Protein backbone atom coordinates (compact mmCIF):
# COMPACT_ATOMS: atom_id res chain seq x y z
CA MET A 1 0.00 0.00 0.00
CA THR A 2 1.27 3.49 -0.76
CA THR A 3 1.25 5.83 2.23
CA ASP A 4 1.31 8.79 -0.14
CA MET A 5 -1.89 7.63 -1.83
CA HIS A 6 -3.53 7.05 1.56
CA GLU A 7 -2.69 10.58 2.62
CA LYS A 8 -3.94 12.07 -0.67
CA ILE A 9 -7.31 10.34 -0.34
CA GLN A 10 -7.52 11.46 3.28
CA VAL A 11 -7.06 15.08 2.13
CA LEU A 12 -9.83 14.63 -0.47
CA LEU A 13 -12.06 13.09 2.19
CA GLU A 14 -11.61 16.10 4.44
CA GLU A 15 -12.08 18.59 1.59
CA ASP A 16 -15.16 16.81 0.26
CA CYS A 17 -17.12 16.86 3.52
CA CYS A 18 -18.69 20.24 2.66
CA HIS A 19 -18.78 19.75 -1.10
CA GLU A 20 -21.70 21.25 -2.98
CA CYS A 21 -22.24 21.50 -6.73
CA GLU A 22 -25.02 21.85 -9.27
CA GLY A 23 -24.78 18.14 -9.93
CA TYR A 24 -24.42 16.05 -13.07
CA GLY A 25 -27.09 15.13 -15.60
CA GLU A 26 -30.84 15.69 -15.59
CA ASP A 27 -31.11 14.57 -11.96
CA HIS A 28 -28.32 16.92 -10.83
CA VAL A 29 -26.45 14.09 -9.14
CA CYS A 30 -23.97 15.27 -6.51
CA VAL A 31 -21.47 12.81 -5.07
CA HIS A 32 -19.56 12.91 -1.77
CA ILE A 33 -16.52 10.93 -0.63
CA GLU A 34 -17.52 9.28 2.65
CA ALA A 35 -14.82 6.82 3.72
CA MET A 36 -11.54 5.23 2.69
CA ALA A 37 -9.50 2.17 3.69
CA GLU A 38 -6.78 -0.16 2.49
CA LEU A 39 -8.06 -3.31 0.79
CA PRO A 40 -5.73 -6.29 0.29
CA THR A 41 -7.35 -8.80 -2.09
CA ARG A 42 -6.52 -11.96 -4.01
CA PHE A 43 -6.06 -9.69 -7.04
CA GLY A 44 -3.60 -7.31 -5.38
CA ASP A 45 -3.44 -4.50 -2.86
CA PHE A 46 -5.96 -1.70 -3.35
CA HIS A 47 -7.57 1.24 -1.61
CA ILE A 48 -11.37 1.28 -1.42
CA VAL A 49 -13.20 4.61 -1.35
CA ALA A 50 -16.91 4.86 -0.54
CA PHE A 51 -19.17 7.48 -2.13
CA SER A 52 -22.70 8.67 -1.38
CA ASN A 53 -24.99 10.58 -3.74
CA ASN A 54 -28.19 12.59 -3.62
CA LYS A 55 -30.03 10.65 -6.35
CA ASP A 56 -30.77 7.18 -4.99
CA ASN A 57 -28.93 7.07 -1.63
CA LYS A 58 -27.01 4.02 -2.86
CA GLU A 59 -23.39 3.55 -1.81
CA HIS A 60 -20.91 3.20 -4.67
CA VAL A 61 -17.19 2.45 -4.33
CA ALA A 62 -13.93 3.00 -6.16
CA ILE A 63 -11.39 0.18 -5.90
CA ILE A 64 -8.08 1.90 -6.58
CA LYS A 65 -4.62 0.54 -7.41
CA GLY A 66 -1.68 2.91 -7.03
CA ASP A 67 -1.78 6.69 -7.14
CA VAL A 68 -4.58 7.93 -9.41
CA ILE A 69 -5.16 11.35 -7.83
CA GLY A 70 -4.75 14.01 -10.52
CA ALA A 71 -3.32 11.44 -12.95
CA ASP A 72 -3.67 11.15 -16.74
CA ASP A 73 -4.71 8.06 -18.70
CA VAL A 74 -5.86 6.08 -15.67
CA PRO A 75 -7.22 2.63 -16.68
CA VAL A 76 -10.82 2.51 -15.44
CA ARG A 77 -13.48 -0.17 -15.45
CA LEU A 78 -17.13 0.62 -14.65
CA HIS A 79 -18.79 -2.47 -13.17
CA SER A 80 -22.50 -2.57 -12.37
CA GLU A 81 -23.50 -4.68 -9.40
CA CYS A 82 -24.79 -8.18 -10.19
CA LEU A 83 -25.64 -10.24 -7.13
CA THR A 84 -26.43 -13.39 -9.10
CA GLY A 85 -23.19 -13.21 -11.06
CA ASP A 86 -20.72 -11.46 -8.76
CA ALA A 87 -21.63 -13.30 -5.55
CA ILE A 88 -23.34 -16.53 -6.62
CA GLY A 89 -21.50 -17.25 -9.87
CA SER A 90 -24.49 -17.36 -12.22
CA LEU A 91 -23.63 -18.56 -15.71
CA ARG A 92 -26.50 -16.61 -17.29
CA CYS A 93 -24.21 -13.58 -17.59
CA ASP A 94 -20.49 -12.80 -17.67
CA CYS A 95 -20.54 -10.27 -14.82
CA ARG A 96 -18.36 -12.17 -12.35
CA ASP A 97 -15.84 -12.97 -15.08
CA GLN A 98 -15.74 -9.30 -16.07
CA LEU A 99 -15.28 -8.13 -12.48
CA GLU A 100 -12.53 -10.60 -11.64
CA ALA A 101 -10.72 -10.06 -14.94
CA SER A 102 -10.73 -6.27 -14.50
CA LEU A 103 -9.46 -6.50 -10.91
CA LYS A 104 -6.73 -8.91 -12.01
CA LYS A 105 -5.64 -6.70 -14.91
CA ILE A 106 -5.63 -3.52 -12.86
CA GLY A 107 -3.99 -5.31 -9.93
CA GLU A 108 -1.03 -6.01 -12.20
CA MET A 109 -0.78 -2.38 -13.35
CA GLU A 110 1.05 0.54 -11.76
CA ARG A 111 -2.30 2.26 -11.25
CA GLY A 112 -5.95 1.91 -12.21
CA MET A 113 -9.45 1.78 -10.81
CA VAL A 114 -12.66 -0.25 -10.81
CA LEU A 115 -15.83 1.68 -10.01
CA TYR A 116 -18.37 -0.71 -8.47
CA LEU A 117 -21.77 0.83 -9.19
CA ARG A 118 -24.97 -0.25 -7.42
CA GLN A 119 -27.02 -0.60 -10.61
CA GLU A 120 -28.35 -4.13 -10.34
CA GLY A 121 -29.96 -5.61 -13.43
CA ARG A 122 -28.91 -2.77 -15.74
CA GLY A 123 -30.62 -0.39 -13.36
CA ILE A 124 -33.97 -2.20 -12.96
CA GLY A 125 -33.17 -3.77 -9.58
CA LEU A 126 -32.78 -7.33 -8.33
CA THR A 127 -36.45 -8.33 -8.16
CA ASN A 128 -37.18 -7.02 -11.64
CA LYS A 129 -34.06 -8.75 -12.96
CA ILE A 130 -35.42 -12.06 -11.67
CA ARG A 131 -38.77 -11.25 -13.31
CA ALA A 132 -36.81 -10.66 -16.52
CA TYR A 133 -35.12 -14.05 -16.06
CA THR A 134 -38.58 -15.65 -15.99
CA LEU A 135 -39.47 -13.99 -19.28
CA GLN A 136 -36.15 -15.09 -20.76
CA ASP A 137 -36.92 -18.67 -19.72
CA GLN A 138 -40.09 -18.29 -21.81
CA GLY A 139 -38.10 -17.29 -24.90
CA LEU A 140 -37.52 -13.53 -24.74
CA ASP A 141 -34.04 -12.07 -24.97
CA THR A 142 -32.68 -9.64 -22.35
CA VAL A 143 -33.79 -6.54 -24.26
CA GLU A 144 -37.30 -7.89 -24.97
CA ALA A 145 -37.69 -8.93 -21.33
CA ASN A 146 -36.78 -5.47 -20.01
CA ILE A 147 -39.16 -3.79 -22.43
CA ALA A 148 -41.97 -6.23 -21.53
CA LEU A 149 -41.54 -5.15 -17.90
CA GLY A 150 -41.90 -1.50 -18.87
CA PHE A 151 -38.22 -0.57 -18.83
CA ARG A 152 -35.76 0.56 -21.45
CA ASP A 153 -33.07 -1.79 -22.72
CA ASP A 154 -30.63 -0.25 -20.22
CA GLU A 155 -31.70 2.00 -17.33
CA ARG A 156 -28.19 2.68 -16.05
CA ASP A 157 -26.96 6.24 -15.57
CA TYR A 158 -23.23 6.96 -15.44
CA ALA A 159 -23.50 10.50 -14.02
CA VAL A 160 -22.48 9.10 -10.62
CA ALA A 161 -19.43 7.42 -12.16
CA ALA A 162 -18.40 10.63 -13.93
CA HIS A 163 -18.67 12.59 -10.69
CA MET A 164 -16.65 9.94 -8.82
CA ILE A 165 -13.86 10.23 -11.41
CA HIS A 166 -13.85 14.01 -11.12
CA SER A 167 -13.99 13.86 -7.31
CA LEU A 168 -10.67 11.99 -7.45
CA LYS A 169 -9.33 14.79 -9.69
CA ILE A 170 -8.44 12.32 -12.46
CA SER A 171 -7.54 14.25 -15.62
CA SER A 172 -8.16 11.54 -18.23
CA ILE A 173 -8.84 7.82 -18.43
CA LYS A 174 -8.46 4.71 -20.53
CA LEU A 175 -11.88 3.07 -20.34
CA MET A 176 -12.00 -0.72 -20.13
CA THR A 177 -15.28 -1.48 -21.91
CA ASN A 178 -17.14 -2.99 -24.86
CA ASN A 179 -20.14 -0.71 -24.29
CA PRO A 180 -20.32 2.49 -26.41
CA LYS A 181 -23.03 3.91 -24.11
CA LYS A 182 -20.54 4.10 -21.25
CA ILE A 183 -18.15 6.07 -23.45
CA ALA A 184 -20.88 8.45 -24.65
CA GLN A 185 -22.30 9.12 -21.19
CA LEU A 186 -18.95 9.70 -19.51
CA GLU A 187 -17.87 12.08 -22.27
CA GLN A 188 -21.23 13.86 -22.01
CA HIS A 189 -20.40 14.52 -18.35
CA GLY A 190 -16.95 15.87 -19.11
CA VAL A 191 -14.74 12.81 -18.61
CA LYS A 192 -11.81 12.79 -21.03
CA ILE A 193 -11.37 9.30 -22.52
CA ASN A 194 -8.11 8.90 -24.41
CA GLU A 195 -8.41 5.20 -25.20
CA ARG A 196 -10.86 2.28 -25.13
CA MET A 197 -9.46 -0.96 -23.75
CA PRO A 198 -11.53 -3.93 -25.03
CA HIS A 199 -12.76 -6.26 -22.29
CA ILE A 200 -13.87 -9.45 -24.05
CA LEU A 201 -13.94 -12.74 -22.16
CA PRO A 202 -14.72 -16.37 -23.06
CA MET A 203 -18.41 -17.26 -23.20
CA ASN A 204 -20.27 -20.37 -22.08
CA GLU A 205 -23.33 -22.25 -23.32
CA HIS A 206 -25.58 -20.40 -20.86
CA ASN A 207 -24.56 -16.82 -21.68
CA ILE A 208 -23.81 -16.93 -25.41
CA PHE A 209 -27.36 -15.78 -26.32
CA TYR A 210 -27.11 -13.01 -23.70
CA LEU A 211 -23.80 -11.81 -25.18
CA LYS A 212 -25.05 -11.99 -28.76
CA THR A 213 -28.07 -9.89 -27.75
CA LYS A 214 -25.70 -7.34 -26.20
CA ALA A 215 -23.86 -7.07 -29.50
CA ALA A 216 -26.89 -7.14 -31.81
CA LYS A 217 -29.32 -4.94 -29.88
CA SER A 218 -27.28 -2.90 -27.40
CA GLY A 219 -24.31 -2.09 -29.63
CA HIS A 220 -21.64 -3.80 -27.55
CA MET A 221 -18.37 -4.15 -29.43
CA ILE A 222 -18.04 -7.93 -29.33
CA ASP A 223 -16.89 -9.80 -32.44
CA PHE A 224 -18.46 -13.26 -32.81
CA HIS A 225 -17.35 -13.71 -36.40
CA GLY A 226 -13.60 -13.20 -36.29
CA LYS A 227 -11.22 -16.03 -37.11
CA GLU A 228 -9.84 -18.09 -34.25
CA HIS A 229 -6.38 -16.95 -33.18
CA LEU A 230 -4.30 -20.09 -32.72
CA PRO A 231 -1.37 -20.21 -30.26
CA GLU A 232 1.17 -20.79 -33.02
CA GLN A 233 0.08 -17.55 -34.69
CA SER A 234 1.76 -15.69 -31.82
CA ASP A 235 5.20 -16.82 -33.04
CA ARG A 236 7.42 -14.00 -34.31
CA PRO A 237 7.74 -13.92 -38.16
CA ILE A 238 11.40 -14.95 -38.48
CA VAL A 239 12.37 -15.73 -42.07
CA GLU A 240 15.53 -16.89 -43.78
CA GLY A 241 18.00 -14.08 -44.46
CA MET A 242 17.14 -11.89 -41.44
CA THR A 243 20.10 -10.48 -39.51
CA GLU A 244 20.56 -10.93 -35.77
CA ASP A 245 19.63 -7.26 -35.22
CA GLN A 246 16.40 -7.69 -37.20
CA ILE A 247 15.44 -10.78 -35.19
CA LYS A 248 16.27 -9.00 -31.93
CA ALA A 249 14.07 -6.06 -32.92
CA LEU A 250 11.02 -8.37 -33.12
CA TYR A 251 11.23 -8.97 -29.37
CA GLU A 252 11.78 -5.36 -28.28
């Protein structure tokens, strides 16, 4: 754990206690830093910072690796809460895989952050998500099920996430996502995104339809039609006649 980072967050915590602003988005969401602690995990050593907001009274957290305060090009993953996936290991979605993969990747980096957002079921809540599961069992896809329940395809709002990023005084980010809506909403709220980092994971027989619906109807950037990349295709292209310097350059 970095003592310097701990002290920087403590300063922000003290400064943010009286924070007031006009808020972000149509709901004028205002976020406050509430608490901070060190968080050793199986994926690495992090700090965890808790935030409150005036929209839904839900508690959101930033799981931070290294010193991100005031930094540029911070790798960031927005993860929406999924009890069935994150905690129980449901195979109907890829949420747990996404969460663990992002924590592992960022845990291996010098710095980065996962924002864990309390937006269960794409913002429709746990009970309604289970109602949507019932409709999916009857043949609807995830989008059709949400609409049948009277919701939009995706009810999530990333104004809270944008405010959290700005509260940590982060200048710009590299967003780990396949979802163009996350990019558009964060940019709409003034977050500077300098790069998209794809976050595509293996699928299983239970979530392949869910993932294909994400791509076909929600615009997620997931390629199901690309050619398989075989292990031997990772070999460096060394051909007869190359000098030692040319071969060496392939590995630099």
